[in-house]
Amino acid sequence: MKTDAATQTDIDALTALNRDYIHSVQHGDARRFDEILAEDFLCSNPDGSLVDRAAFLAQTARPVTINGLATDDVRVRILGDVAIIHARTSYTTANGEERNGRYIDVWARRDGKWLAVSAHVTR
């Protein structure tokens, strides 16, 4: 069983990683994703496609078509060496429409480091 301090440290680390993840989506930062995605990462995209790490990095490197990506209702749940982050997003499309979505990211502690292993995005 973890101490409260260790759990808070993990929550702080995962909260920072979540901010990095969202910042990387907004700014097309494939380099940062390369650092925080597990080798076996998979993502369910809003269009229903399932992409592996390489395809996700490639889609991240394309020009970003949304603006003002922000999160709220962020919930970090730690289950041993696995963490689940649920959150709501808001953003503006290229043609100025205000939209909302949700995502679930799953993180695993591997060799003492949290890595994203799975993502599911809805819009």
PDB file of N, CA and C in Angstrom:
ATOM      1  N   MET A   1       0.841  -1.191   0.000  1.00  0.00           N
ATOM      2  CA  MET A   1       0.000   0.000   0.000  1.00  0.00           C
ATOM      3  C   MET A   1       0.876   1.241   0.000  1.00  0.00           C
ATOM      4  N   LYS A   2       0.555   2.188  -0.858  1.00  0.00           N
ATOM      5  CA  LYS A   2       1.327   3.416  -0.937  1.00  0.00           C
ATOM      6  C   LYS A   2       0.936   4.369   0.181  1.00  0.00           C
ATOM      7  N   THR A   3       1.898   5.188   0.534  1.00  0.00           N
ATOM      8  CA  THR A   3       1.587   6.239   1.499  1.00  0.00           C
ATOM      9  C   THR A   3       0.855   7.358   0.772  1.00  0.00           C
ATOM     10  N   ASP A   4       0.213   8.233   1.548  1.00  0.00           N
ATOM     11  CA  ASP A   4      -0.468   9.368   0.945  1.00  0.00           C
ATOM     12  C   ASP A   4       0.508  10.256   0.192  1.00  0.00           C
ATOM     13  N   ALA A   5       1.722  10.422   0.729  1.00  0.00           N
ATOM     14  CA  ALA A   5       2.730  11.258   0.070  1.00  0.00           C
ATOM     15  C   ALA A   5       3.118  10.676  -1.280  1.00  0.00           C
ATOM     16  N   ALA A   6       3.313   9.359  -1.325  1.00  0.00           N
ATOM     17  CA  ALA A   6       3.662   8.717  -2.601  1.00  0.00           C
ATOM     18  C   ALA A   6       2.512   8.857  -3.591  1.00  0.00           C
ATOM     19  N   THR A   7       1.298   8.667  -3.119  1.00  0.00           N
ATOM     20  CA  THR A   7       0.147   8.814  -3.994  1.00  0.00           C
ATOM     21  C   THR A   7       0.049  10.241  -4.507  1.00  0.00           C
ATOM     22  N   GLN A   8       0.256  11.231  -3.645  1.00  0.00           N
ATOM     23  CA  GLN A   8       0.205  12.629  -4.075  1.00  0.00           C
ATOM     24  C   GLN A   8       1.318  12.922  -5.079  1.00  0.00           C
ATOM     25  N   THR A   9       2.496  12.338  -4.867  1.00  0.00           N
ATOM     26  CA  THR A   9       3.591  12.496  -5.818  1.00  0.00           C
ATOM     27  C   THR A   9       3.196  11.936  -7.181  1.00  0.00           C
ATOM     28  N   ASP A  10       2.564  10.758  -7.182  1.00  0.00           N
ATOM     29  CA  ASP A  10       2.101  10.161  -8.440  1.00  0.00           C
ATOM     30  C   ASP A  10       1.020  11.021  -9.090  1.00  0.00           C
ATOM     31  N   ILE A  11       0.079  11.521  -8.291  1.00  0.00           N
ATOM     32  CA  ILE A  11      -0.979  12.382  -8.838  1.00  0.00           C
ATOM     33  C   ILE A  11      -0.367  13.637  -9.446  1.00  0.00           C
ATOM     34  N   ASP A  12       0.597  14.234  -8.761  1.00  0.00           N
ATOM     35  CA  ASP A  12       1.274  15.421  -9.295  1.00  0.00           C
ATOM     36  C   ASP A  12       1.991  15.098 -10.604  1.00  0.00           C
ATOM     37  N   ALA A  13       2.693  13.964 -10.649  1.00  0.00           N
ATOM     38  CA  ALA A  13       3.414  13.566 -11.866  1.00  0.00           C
ATOM     39  C   ALA A  13       2.444  13.328 -13.019  1.00  0.00           C
ATOM     40  N   LEU A  14       1.350  12.625 -12.737  1.00  0.00           N
ATOM     41  CA  LEU A  14       0.362  12.326 -13.779  1.00  0.00           C
ATOM     42  C   LEU A  14      -0.371  13.587 -14.233  1.00  0.00           C
ATOM     43  N   THR A  15      -0.620  14.495 -13.320  1.00  0.00           N
ATOM     44  CA  THR A  15      -1.252  15.764 -13.682  1.00  0.00           C
ATOM     45  C   THR A  15      -0.344  16.551 -14.619  1.00  0.00           C
ATOM     46  N   ALA A  16       0.947  16.578 -14.325  1.00  0.00           N
ATOM     47  CA  ALA A  16       1.911  17.257 -15.202  1.00  0.00           C
ATOM     48  C   ALA A  16       1.999  16.559 -16.555  1.00  0.00           C
ATOM     49  N   LEU A  17       2.006  15.227 -16.566  1.00  0.00           N
ATOM     50  CA  LEU A  17       2.044  14.485 -17.825  1.00  0.00           C
ATOM     51  C   LEU A  17       0.783  14.734 -18.639  1.00  0.00           C
ATOM     52  N   ASN A  18      -0.350  14.831 -17.979  1.00  0.00           N
ATOM     53  CA  ASN A  18      -1.599  15.126 -18.672  1.00  0.00           C
ATOM     54  C   ASN A  18      -1.530  16.507 -19.332  1.00  0.00           C
ATOM     55  N   ARG A  19      -0.982  17.494 -18.610  1.00  0.00           N
ATOM     56  CA  ARG A  19      -0.806  18.834 -19.202  1.00  0.00           C
ATOM     57  C   ARG A  19       0.114  18.763 -20.423  1.00  0.00           C
ATOM     58  N   ASP A  20       1.217  18.008 -20.300  1.00  0.00           N
ATOM     59  CA  ASP A  20       2.137  17.842 -21.432  1.00  0.00           C
ATOM     60  C   ASP A  20       1.428  17.197 -22.622  1.00  0.00           C
ATOM     61  N   TYR A  21       0.626  16.182 -22.339  1.00  0.00           N
ATOM     62  CA  TYR A  21      -0.088  15.456 -23.390  1.00  0.00           C
ATOM     63  C   TYR A  21      -1.011  16.415 -24.153  1.00  0.00           C
ATOM     64  N   ILE A  22      -1.822  17.178 -23.415  1.00  0.00           N
ATOM     65  CA  ILE A  22      -2.752  18.111 -24.046  1.00  0.00           C
ATOM     66  C   ILE A  22      -1.995  19.211 -24.793  1.00  0.00           C
ATOM     67  N   HIS A  23      -0.935  19.739 -24.193  1.00  0.00           N
ATOM     68  CA  HIS A  23      -0.109  20.754 -24.859  1.00  0.00           C
ATOM     69  C   HIS A  23       0.470  20.182 -26.155  1.00  0.00           C
ATOM     70  N   SER A  24       0.892  18.930 -26.125  1.00  0.00           N
ATOM     71  CA  SER A  24       1.475  18.296 -27.309  1.00  0.00           C
ATOM     72  C   SER A  24       0.437  18.106 -28.405  1.00  0.00           C
ATOM     73  N   VAL A  25      -0.807  17.807 -28.033  1.00  0.00           N
ATOM     74  CA  VAL A  25      -1.888  17.703 -29.025  1.00  0.00           C
ATOM     75  C   VAL A  25      -2.092  19.068 -29.678  1.00  0.00           C
ATOM     76  N   GLN A  26      -2.227  20.113 -28.855  1.00  0.00           N
ATOM     77  CA  GLN A  26      -2.506  21.450 -29.375  1.00  0.00           C
ATOM     78  C   GLN A  26      -1.386  21.979 -30.268  1.00  0.00           C
ATOM     79  N   HIS A  27      -0.150  21.617 -29.943  1.00  0.00           N
ATOM     80  CA  HIS A  27       0.993  22.181 -30.663  1.00  0.00           C
ATOM     81  C   HIS A  27       1.699  21.195 -31.588  1.00  0.00           C
ATOM     82  N   GLY A  28       1.125  20.000 -31.772  1.00  0.00           N
ATOM     83  CA  GLY A  28       1.715  19.025 -32.676  1.00  0.00           C
ATOM     84  C   GLY A  28       3.108  18.594 -32.264  1.00  0.00           C
ATOM     85  N   ASP A  29       3.319  18.443 -30.963  1.00  0.00           N
ATOM     86  CA  ASP A  29       4.649  18.140 -30.429  1.00  0.00           C
ATOM     87  C   ASP A  29       4.904  16.626 -30.406  1.00  0.00           C
ATOM     88  N   ALA A  30       5.231  16.074 -31.563  1.00  0.00           N
ATOM     89  CA  ALA A  30       5.505  14.634 -31.655  1.00  0.00           C
ATOM     90  C   ALA A  30       6.749  14.253 -30.853  1.00  0.00           C
ATOM     91  N   ARG A  31       7.686  15.180 -30.695  1.00  0.00           N
ATOM     92  CA  ARG A  31       8.895  14.897 -29.922  1.00  0.00           C
ATOM     93  C   ARG A  31       8.549  14.570 -28.473  1.00  0.00           C
ATOM     94  N   ARG A  32       7.678  15.371 -27.865  1.00  0.00           N
ATOM     95  CA  ARG A  32       7.302  15.105 -26.467  1.00  0.00           C
ATOM     96  C   ARG A  32       6.510  13.807 -26.370  1.00  0.00           C
ATOM     97  N   PHE A  33       5.631  13.571 -27.326  1.00  0.00           N
ATOM     98  CA  PHE A  33       4.899  12.305 -27.316  1.00  0.00           C
ATOM     99  C   PHE A  33       5.853  11.122 -27.410  1.00  0.00           C
ATOM    100  N   ASP A  34       6.911  11.267 -28.194  1.00  0.00           N
ATOM    101  CA  ASP A  34       7.885  10.188 -28.318  1.00  0.00           C
ATOM    102  C   ASP A  34       8.480   9.830 -26.961  1.00  0.00           C
ATOM    103  N   GLU A  35       8.566  10.799 -26.057  1.00  0.00           N
ATOM    104  CA  GLU A  35       9.117  10.578 -24.725  1.00  0.00           C
ATOM    105  C   GLU A  35       8.120   9.946 -23.751  1.00  0.00           C
ATOM    106  N   ILE A  36       6.831  10.221 -23.915  1.00  0.00           N
ATOM    107  CA  ILE A  36       5.853   9.797 -22.898  1.00  0.00           C
ATOM    108  C   ILE A  36       4.930   8.662 -23.328  1.00  0.00           C
ATOM    109  N   LEU A  37       5.041   8.204 -24.576  1.00  0.00           N
ATOM    110  CA  LEU A  37       4.210   7.090 -25.032  1.00  0.00           C
ATOM    111  C   LEU A  37       4.967   5.776 -24.900  1.00  0.00           C
ATOM    112  N   ALA A  38       4.291   4.762 -24.373  1.00  0.00           N
ATOM    113  CA  ALA A  38       4.878   3.421 -24.304  1.00  0.00           C
ATOM    114  C   ALA A  38       5.017   2.866 -25.725  1.00  0.00           C
ATOM    115  N   GLU A  39       5.921   1.924 -25.890  1.00  0.00           N
ATOM    116  CA  GLU A  39       6.134   1.305 -27.206  1.00  0.00           C
ATOM    117  C   GLU A  39       4.862   0.632 -27.720  1.00  0.00           C
ATOM    118  N   ASP A  40       4.029   0.111 -26.798  1.00  0.00           N
ATOM    119  CA  ASP A  40       2.807  -0.596 -27.192  1.00  0.00           C
ATOM    120  C   ASP A  40       1.563   0.284 -27.113  1.00  0.00           C
ATOM    121  N   PHE A  41       1.732   1.617 -27.138  1.00  0.00           N
ATOM    122  CA  PHE A  41       0.628   2.570 -27.074  1.00  0.00           C
ATOM    123  C   PHE A  41      -0.361   2.367 -28.212  1.00  0.00           C
ATOM    124  N   LEU A  42      -1.650   2.476 -27.879  1.00  0.00           N
ATOM    125  CA  LEU A  42      -2.731   2.454 -28.873  1.00  0.00           C
ATOM    126  C   LEU A  42      -3.688   3.599 -28.575  1.00  0.00           C
ATOM    127  N   CYS A  43      -4.268   4.180 -29.625  1.00  0.00           N
ATOM    128  CA  CYS A  43      -5.232   5.269 -29.465  1.00  0.00           C
ATOM    129  C   CYS A  43      -6.464   5.000 -30.315  1.00  0.00           C
ATOM    130  N   SER A  44      -7.633   5.104 -29.674  1.00  0.00           N
ATOM    131  CA  SER A  44      -8.918   5.086 -30.383  1.00  0.00           C
ATOM    132  C   SER A  44      -9.252   6.528 -30.724  1.00  0.00           C
ATOM    133  N   ASN A  45      -9.264   6.851 -32.001  1.00  0.00           N
ATOM    134  CA  ASN A  45      -9.547   8.205 -32.466  1.00  0.00           C
ATOM    135  C   ASN A  45     -11.048   8.471 -32.517  1.00  0.00           C
ATOM    136  N   PRO A  46     -11.437   9.748 -32.563  1.00  0.00           N
ATOM    137  CA  PRO A  46     -12.860  10.082 -32.627  1.00  0.00           C
ATOM    138  C   PRO A  46     -13.584   9.482 -33.836  1.00  0.00           C
ATOM    139  N   ASP A  47     -12.848   9.225 -34.929  1.00  0.00           N
ATOM    140  CA  ASP A  47     -13.478   8.641 -36.123  1.00  0.00           C
ATOM    141  C   ASP A  47     -13.631   7.126 -36.030  1.00  0.00           C
ATOM    142  N   GLY A  48     -13.231   6.543 -34.901  1.00  0.00           N
ATOM    143  CA  GLY A  48     -13.368   5.101 -34.703  1.00  0.00           C
ATOM    144  C   GLY A  48     -12.135   4.304 -35.081  1.00  0.00           C
ATOM    145  N   SER A  49     -11.133   4.959 -35.657  1.00  0.00           N
ATOM    146  CA  SER A  49      -9.917   4.235 -36.031  1.00  0.00           C
ATOM    147  C   SER A  49      -9.071   3.947 -34.788  1.00  0.00           C
ATOM    148  N   LEU A  50      -8.325   2.868 -34.850  1.00  0.00           N
ATOM    149  CA  LEU A  50      -7.393   2.491 -33.797  1.00  0.00           C
ATOM    150  C   LEU A  50      -5.994   2.588 -34.383  1.00  0.00           C
ATOM    151  N   VAL A  51      -5.146   3.425 -33.770  1.00  0.00           N
ATOM    152  CA  VAL A  51      -3.801   3.627 -34.303  1.00  0.00           C
ATOM    153  C   VAL A  51      -2.757   3.232 -33.269  1.00  0.00           C
ATOM    154  N   ASP A  52      -1.644   2.720 -33.780  1.00  0.00           N
ATOM    155  CA  ASP A  52      -0.542   2.365 -32.894  1.00  0.00           C
ATOM    156  C   ASP A  52       0.335   3.596 -32.667  1.00  0.00           C
ATOM    157  N   ARG A  53       1.404   3.406 -31.932  1.00  0.00           N
ATOM    158  CA  ARG A  53       2.292   4.498 -31.552  1.00  0.00           C
ATOM    159  C   ARG A  53       2.828   5.245 -32.780  1.00  0.00           C
ATOM    160  N   ALA A  54       3.332   4.499 -33.763  1.00  0.00           N
ATOM    161  CA  ALA A  54       3.925   5.130 -34.948  1.00  0.00           C
ATOM    162  C   ALA A  54       2.888   5.965 -35.704  1.00  0.00           C
ATOM    163  N   ALA A  55       1.696   5.428 -35.881  1.00  0.00           N
ATOM    164  CA  ALA A  55       0.642   6.170 -36.585  1.00  0.00           C
ATOM    165  C   ALA A  55       0.183   7.383 -35.771  1.00  0.00           C
ATOM    166  N   PHE A  56       0.141   7.253 -34.452  1.00  0.00           N
ATOM    167  CA  PHE A  56      -0.230   8.377 -33.598  1.00  0.00           C
ATOM    168  C   PHE A  56       0.804   9.489 -33.703  1.00  0.00           C
ATOM    169  N   LEU A  57       2.080   9.134 -33.673  1.00  0.00           N
ATOM    170  CA  LEU A  57       3.133  10.143 -33.813  1.00  0.00           C
ATOM    171  C   LEU A  57       3.036  10.835 -35.174  1.00  0.00           C
ATOM    172  N   ALA A  58       2.732  10.065 -36.209  1.00  0.00           N
ATOM    173  CA  ALA A  58       2.594  10.643 -37.550  1.00  0.00           C
ATOM    174  C   ALA A  58       1.401  11.594 -37.608  1.00  0.00           C
ATOM    175  N   GLN A  59       0.269  11.204 -37.011  1.00  0.00           N
ATOM    176  CA  GLN A  59      -0.900  12.095 -37.057  1.00  0.00           C
ATOM    177  C   GLN A  59      -0.669  13.339 -36.199  1.00  0.00           C
ATOM    178  N   THR A  60       0.110  13.211 -35.140  1.00  0.00           N
ATOM    179  CA  THR A  60       0.420  14.361 -34.286  1.00  0.00           C
ATOM    180  C   THR A  60       1.300  15.365 -35.022  1.00  0.00           C
ATOM    181  N   ALA A  61       2.151  14.882 -35.891  1.00  0.00           N
ATOM    182  CA  ALA A  61       3.084  15.755 -36.616  1.00  0.00           C
ATOM    183  C   ALA A  61       2.395  16.559 -37.723  1.00  0.00           C
ATOM    184  N   ARG A  62       1.162  16.184 -38.085  1.00  0.00           N
ATOM    185  CA  ARG A  62       0.427  16.942 -39.110  1.00  0.00           C
ATOM    186  C   ARG A  62       0.008  18.306 -38.549  1.00  0.00           C
ATOM    187  N   PRO A  63      -0.263  19.272 -39.421  1.00  0.00           N
ATOM    188  CA  PRO A  63      -0.702  20.585 -38.935  1.00  0.00           C
ATOM    189  C   PRO A  63      -1.954  20.470 -38.050  1.00  0.00           C
ATOM    190  N   VAL A  64      -1.950  21.211 -36.957  1.00  0.00           N
ATOM    191  CA  VAL A  64      -3.055  21.197 -36.003  1.00  0.00           C
ATOM    192  C   VAL A  64      -4.190  22.069 -36.539  1.00  0.00           C
ATOM    193  N   THR A  65      -5.417  21.546 -36.497  1.00  0.00           N
ATOM    194  CA  THR A  65      -6.562  22.271 -37.056  1.00  0.00           C
ATOM    195  C   THR A  65      -7.513  22.795 -35.990  1.00  0.00           C
ATOM    196  N   ILE A  66      -7.151  22.647 -34.718  1.00  0.00           N
ATOM    197  CA  ILE A  66      -7.992  23.176 -33.647  1.00  0.00           C
ATOM    198  C   ILE A  66      -7.213  24.231 -32.865  1.00  0.00           C
ATOM    199  N   ASN A  67      -7.945  25.070 -32.169  1.00  0.00           N
ATOM    200  CA  ASN A  67      -7.332  26.119 -31.348  1.00  0.00           C
ATOM    201  C   ASN A  67      -7.940  26.097 -29.956  1.00  0.00           C
ATOM    202  N   GLY A  68      -7.192  26.633 -28.997  1.00  0.00           N
ATOM    203  CA  GLY A  68      -7.722  26.825 -27.655  1.00  0.00           C
ATOM    204  C   GLY A  68      -8.069  25.556 -26.917  1.00  0.00           C
ATOM    205  N   LEU A  69      -7.360  24.468 -27.192  1.00  0.00           N
ATOM    206  CA  LEU A  69      -7.652  23.207 -26.515  1.00  0.00           C
ATOM    207  C   LEU A  69      -7.449  23.361 -25.017  1.00  0.00           C
ATOM    208  N   ALA A  70      -8.497  23.077 -24.265  1.00  0.00           N
ATOM    209  CA  ALA A  70      -8.444  23.194 -22.813  1.00  0.00           C
ATOM    210  C   ALA A  70      -9.141  21.994 -22.184  1.00  0.00           C
ATOM    211  N   THR A  71      -8.773  21.700 -20.945  1.00  0.00           N
ATOM    212  CA  THR A  71      -9.397  20.584 -20.233  1.00  0.00           C
ATOM    213  C   THR A  71     -10.075  21.079 -18.967  1.00  0.00           C
ATOM    214  N   ASP A  72     -11.081  20.337 -18.562  1.00  0.00           N
ATOM    215  CA  ASP A  72     -11.666  20.531 -17.243  1.00  0.00           C
ATOM    216  C   ASP A  72     -12.210  19.184 -16.789  1.00  0.00           C
ATOM    217  N   ASP A  73     -12.697  19.147 -15.584  1.00  0.00           N
ATOM    218  CA  ASP A  73     -13.214  17.913 -14.990  1.00  0.00           C
ATOM    219  C   ASP A  73     -12.182  16.784 -15.114  1.00  0.00           C
ATOM    220  N   VAL A  74     -10.912  17.115 -14.852  1.00  0.00           N
ATOM    221  CA  VAL A  74      -9.832  16.130 -14.939  1.00  0.00           C
ATOM    222  C   VAL A  74      -9.847  15.278 -13.670  1.00  0.00           C
ATOM    223  N   ARG A  75      -9.907  13.977 -13.855  1.00  0.00           N
ATOM    224  CA  ARG A  75      -9.919  13.043 -12.731  1.00  0.00           C
ATOM    225  C   ARG A  75      -8.806  12.022 -12.916  1.00  0.00           C
ATOM    226  N   VAL A  76      -7.901  11.969 -11.955  1.00  0.00           N
ATOM    227  CA  VAL A  76      -6.770  11.038 -11.981  1.00  0.00           C
ATOM    228  C   VAL A  76      -7.059   9.932 -10.972  1.00  0.00           C
ATOM    229  N   ARG A  77      -7.084   8.696 -11.462  1.00  0.00           N
ATOM    230  CA  ARG A  77      -7.307   7.541 -10.594  1.00  0.00           C
ATOM    231  C   ARG A  77      -6.094   6.629 -10.694  1.00  0.00           C
ATOM    232  N   ILE A  78      -5.531   6.297  -9.552  1.00  0.00           N
ATOM    233  CA  ILE A  78      -4.357   5.415  -9.526  1.00  0.00           C
ATOM    234  C   ILE A  78      -4.769   4.066  -8.971  1.00  0.00           C
ATOM    235  N   LEU A  79      -4.455   3.029  -9.738  1.00  0.00           N
ATOM    236  CA  LEU A  79      -4.774   1.655  -9.374  1.00  0.00           C
ATOM    237  C   LEU A  79      -3.472   0.858  -9.397  1.00  0.00           C
ATOM    238  N   GLY A  80      -2.670   1.017  -8.369  1.00  0.00           N
ATOM    239  CA  GLY A  80      -1.372   0.350  -8.335  1.00  0.00           C
ATOM    240  C   GLY A  80      -0.421   0.979  -9.331  1.00  0.00           C
ATOM    241  N   ASP A  81       0.052   0.173 -10.278  1.00  0.00           N
ATOM    242  CA  ASP A  81       0.979   0.666 -11.299  1.00  0.00           C
ATOM    243  C   ASP A  81       0.275   1.075 -12.584  1.00  0.00           C
ATOM    244  N   VAL A  82      -1.032   1.289 -12.492  1.00  0.00           N
ATOM    245  CA  VAL A  82      -1.838   1.769 -13.618  1.00  0.00           C
ATOM    246  C   VAL A  82      -2.602   2.999 -13.149  1.00  0.00           C
ATOM    247  N   ALA A  83      -2.726   3.973 -14.018  1.00  0.00           N
ATOM    248  CA  ALA A  83      -3.514   5.165 -13.716  1.00  0.00           C
ATOM    249  C   ALA A  83      -4.425   5.449 -14.897  1.00  0.00           C
ATOM    250  N   ILE A  84      -5.608   5.954 -14.575  1.00  0.00           N
ATOM    251  CA  ILE A  84      -6.584   6.318 -15.594  1.00  0.00           C
ATOM    252  C   ILE A  84      -6.911   7.785 -15.403  1.00  0.00           C
ATOM    253  N   ILE A  85      -6.841   8.532 -16.500  1.00  0.00           N
ATOM    254  CA  ILE A  85      -7.203   9.944 -16.461  1.00  0.00           C
ATOM    255  C   ILE A  85      -8.421  10.151 -17.354  1.00  0.00           C
ATOM    256  N   HIS A  86      -9.481  10.666 -16.752  1.00  0.00           N
ATOM    257  CA  HIS A  86     -10.695  11.042 -17.479  1.00  0.00           C
ATOM    258  C   HIS A  86     -10.734  12.565 -17.508  1.00  0.00           C
ATOM    259  N   ALA A  87     -11.131  13.154 -18.630  1.00  0.00           N
ATOM    260  CA  ALA A  87     -11.242  14.609 -18.684  1.00  0.00           C
ATOM    261  C   ALA A  87     -12.171  15.035 -19.809  1.00  0.00           C
ATOM    262  N   ARG A  88     -12.621  16.269 -19.687  1.00  0.00           N
ATOM    263  CA  ARG A  88     -13.464  16.893 -20.698  1.00  0.00           C
ATOM    264  C   ARG A  88     -12.603  17.922 -21.422  1.00  0.00           C
ATOM    265  N   THR A  89     -12.816  18.067 -22.723  1.00  0.00           N
ATOM    266  CA  THR A  89     -12.068  19.050 -23.500  1.00  0.00           C
ATOM    267  C   THR A  89     -13.010  20.077 -24.107  1.00  0.00           C
ATOM    268  N   SER A  90     -12.465  21.243 -24.378  1.00  0.00           N
ATOM    269  CA  SER A  90     -13.147  22.252 -25.181  1.00  0.00           C
ATOM    270  C   SER A  90     -12.111  22.809 -26.147  1.00  0.00           C
ATOM    271  N   TYR A  91     -12.571  23.173 -27.324  1.00  0.00           N
ATOM    272  CA  TYR A  91     -11.661  23.677 -28.357  1.00  0.00           C
ATOM    273  C   TYR A  91     -12.477  24.385 -29.427  1.00  0.00           C
ATOM    274  N   THR A  92     -11.781  25.081 -30.310  1.00  0.00           N
ATOM    275  CA  THR A  92     -12.395  25.763 -31.439  1.00  0.00           C
ATOM    276  C   THR A  92     -11.889  25.115 -32.718  1.00  0.00           C
ATOM    277  N   THR A  93     -12.815  24.781 -33.615  1.00  0.00           N
ATOM    278  CA  THR A  93     -12.433  24.174 -34.890  1.00  0.00           C
ATOM    279  C   THR A  93     -11.840  25.231 -35.819  1.00  0.00           C
ATOM    280  N   ALA A  94     -11.276  24.770 -36.931  1.00  0.00           N
ATOM    281  CA  ALA A  94     -10.669  25.681 -37.900  1.00  0.00           C
ATOM    282  C   ALA A  94     -11.690  26.685 -38.452  1.00  0.00           C
ATOM    283  N   ASN A  95     -12.973  26.292 -38.514  1.00  0.00           N
ATOM    284  CA  ASN A  95     -13.986  27.227 -39.016  1.00  0.00           C
ATOM    285  C   ASN A  95     -14.731  27.952 -37.888  1.00  0.00           C
ATOM    286  N   GLY A  96     -14.124  27.983 -36.697  1.00  0.00           N
ATOM    287  CA  GLY A  96     -14.631  28.808 -35.618  1.00  0.00           C
ATOM    288  C   GLY A  96     -15.720  28.217 -34.732  1.00  0.00           C
ATOM    289  N   GLU A  97     -16.047  26.951 -34.906  1.00  0.00           N
ATOM    290  CA  GLU A  97     -17.070  26.325 -34.064  1.00  0.00           C
ATOM    291  C   GLU A  97     -16.490  25.933 -32.713  1.00  0.00           C
ATOM    292  N   GLU A  98     -17.244  26.225 -31.656  1.00  0.00           N
ATOM    293  CA  GLU A  98     -16.857  25.797 -30.307  1.00  0.00           C
ATOM    294  C   GLU A  98     -17.324  24.358 -30.130  1.00  0.00           C
ATOM    295  N   ARG A  99     -16.432  23.476 -29.723  1.00  0.00           N
ATOM    296  CA  ARG A  99     -16.767  22.060 -29.551  1.00  0.00           C
ATOM    297  C   ARG A  99     -16.257  21.555 -28.209  1.00  0.00           C
ATOM    298  N   ASN A 100     -16.797  20.409 -27.824  1.00  0.00           N
ATOM    299  CA  ASN A 100     -16.389  19.732 -26.593  1.00  0.00           C
ATOM    300  C   ASN A 100     -16.172  18.264 -26.885  1.00  0.00           C
ATOM    301  N   GLY A 101     -15.395  17.626 -26.051  1.00  0.00           N
ATOM    302  CA  GLY A 101     -15.166  16.193 -26.163  1.00  0.00           C
ATOM    303  C   GLY A 101     -14.738  15.641 -24.818  1.00  0.00           C
ATOM    304  N   ARG A 102     -14.395  14.374 -24.820  1.00  0.00           N
ATOM    305  CA  ARG A 102     -13.868  13.728 -23.619  1.00  0.00           C
ATOM    306  C   ARG A 102     -12.733  12.811 -24.050  1.00  0.00           C
ATOM    307  N   TYR A 103     -11.885  12.487 -23.090  1.00  0.00           N
ATOM    308  CA  TYR A 103     -10.857  11.491 -23.353  1.00  0.00           C
ATOM    309  C   TYR A 103     -10.587  10.693 -22.095  1.00  0.00           C
ATOM    310  N   ILE A 104     -10.068   9.508 -22.332  1.00  0.00           N
ATOM    311  CA  ILE A 104      -9.574   8.639 -21.270  1.00  0.00           C
ATOM    312  C   ILE A 104      -8.179   8.221 -21.688  1.00  0.00           C
ATOM    313  N   ASP A 105      -7.201   8.508 -20.835  1.00  0.00           N
ATOM    314  CA  ASP A 105      -5.831   8.063 -21.066  1.00  0.00           C
ATOM    315  C   ASP A 105      -5.468   7.075 -19.968  1.00  0.00           C
ATOM    316  N   VAL A 106      -4.811   6.006 -20.367  1.00  0.00           N
ATOM    317  CA  VAL A 106      -4.348   5.004 -19.407  1.00  0.00           C
ATOM    318  C   VAL A 106      -2.829   5.069 -19.382  1.00  0.00           C
ATOM    319  N   TRP A 107      -2.297   5.137 -18.160  1.00  0.00           N
ATOM    320  CA  TRP A 107      -0.861   5.226 -17.942  1.00  0.00           C
ATOM    321  C   TRP A 107      -0.410   4.016 -17.147  1.00  0.00           C
ATOM    322  N   ALA A 108       0.793   3.548 -17.413  1.00  0.00           N
ATOM    323  CA  ALA A 108       1.366   2.429 -16.657  1.00  0.00           C
ATOM    324  C   ALA A 108       2.737   2.852 -16.145  1.00  0.00           C
ATOM    325  N   ARG A 109       3.016   2.452 -14.896  1.00  0.00           N
ATOM    326  CA  ARG A 109       4.347   2.717 -14.341  1.00  0.00           C
ATOM    327  C   ARG A 109       5.244   1.575 -14.802  1.00  0.00           C
ATOM    328  N   ARG A 110       6.244   1.930 -15.590  1.00  0.00           N
ATOM    329  CA  ARG A 110       7.186   0.944 -16.118  1.00  0.00           C
ATOM    330  C   ARG A 110       8.595   1.411 -15.775  1.00  0.00           C
ATOM    331  N   ASP A 111       9.330   0.546 -15.093  1.00  0.00           N
ATOM    332  CA  ASP A 111      10.690   0.894 -14.647  1.00  0.00           C
ATOM    333  C   ASP A 111      10.696   2.227 -13.901  1.00  0.00           C
ATOM    334  N   GLY A 112       9.674   2.449 -13.068  1.00  0.00           N
ATOM    335  CA  GLY A 112       9.597   3.642 -12.240  1.00  0.00           C
ATOM    336  C   GLY A 112       9.127   4.903 -12.944  1.00  0.00           C
ATOM    337  N   LYS A 113       8.727   4.789 -14.208  1.00  0.00           N
ATOM    338  CA  LYS A 113       8.335   5.958 -14.996  1.00  0.00           C
ATOM    339  C   LYS A 113       6.922   5.753 -15.528  1.00  0.00           C
ATOM    340  N   TRP A 114       6.078   6.790 -15.454  1.00  0.00           N
ATOM    341  CA  TRP A 114       4.730   6.709 -16.007  1.00  0.00           C
ATOM    342  C   TRP A 114       4.781   6.906 -17.518  1.00  0.00           C
ATOM    343  N   LEU A 115       4.172   5.975 -18.270  1.00  0.00           N
ATOM    344  CA  LEU A 115       4.088   6.062 -19.728  1.00  0.00           C
ATOM    345  C   LEU A 115       2.634   5.875 -20.156  1.00  0.00           C
ATOM    346  N   ALA A 116       2.221   6.617 -21.154  1.00  0.00           N
ATOM    347  CA  ALA A 116       0.872   6.448 -21.705  1.00  0.00           C
ATOM    348  C   ALA A 116       0.823   5.164 -22.507  1.00  0.00           C
ATOM    349  N   VAL A 117      -0.144   4.304 -22.189  1.00  0.00           N
ATOM    350  CA  VAL A 117      -0.277   3.037 -22.904  1.00  0.00           C
ATOM    351  C   VAL A 117      -1.519   2.998 -23.777  1.00  0.00           C
ATOM    352  N   SER A 118      -2.505   3.867 -23.480  1.00  0.00           N
ATOM    353  CA  SER A 118      -3.751   3.826 -24.222  1.00  0.00           C
ATOM    354  C   SER A 118      -4.458   5.178 -24.130  1.00  0.00           C
ATOM    355  N   ALA A 119      -5.174   5.519 -25.197  1.00  0.00           N
ATOM    356  CA  ALA A 119      -5.986   6.726 -25.209  1.00  0.00           C
ATOM    357  C   ALA A 119      -7.269   6.452 -25.968  1.00  0.00           C
ATOM    358  N   HIS A 120      -8.339   7.075 -25.518  1.00  0.00           N
ATOM    359  CA  HIS A 120      -9.629   6.992 -26.204  1.00  0.00           C
ATOM    360  C   HIS A 120     -10.192   8.410 -26.255  1.00  0.00           C
ATOM    361  N   VAL A 121     -10.469   8.910 -27.456  1.00  0.00           N
ATOM    362  CA  VAL A 121     -10.877  10.296 -27.634  1.00  0.00           C
ATOM    363  C   VAL A 121     -12.252  10.360 -28.286  1.00  0.00           C
ATOM    364  N   THR A 122     -13.149  11.190 -27.726  1.00  0.00           N
ATOM    365  CA  THR A 122     -14.450  11.445 -28.361  1.00  0.00           C
ATOM    366  C   THR A 122     -14.576  12.934 -28.598  1.00  0.00           C
ATOM    367  N   ARG A 123     -15.341  13.268 -29.630  1.00  0.00           N
ATOM    368  CA  ARG A 123     -15.596  14.694 -29.938  1.00  0.00           C
ATOM    369  C   ARG A 123     -17.057  14.852 -30.258  1.00  0.00           C
TER     370      ARG A 123
END
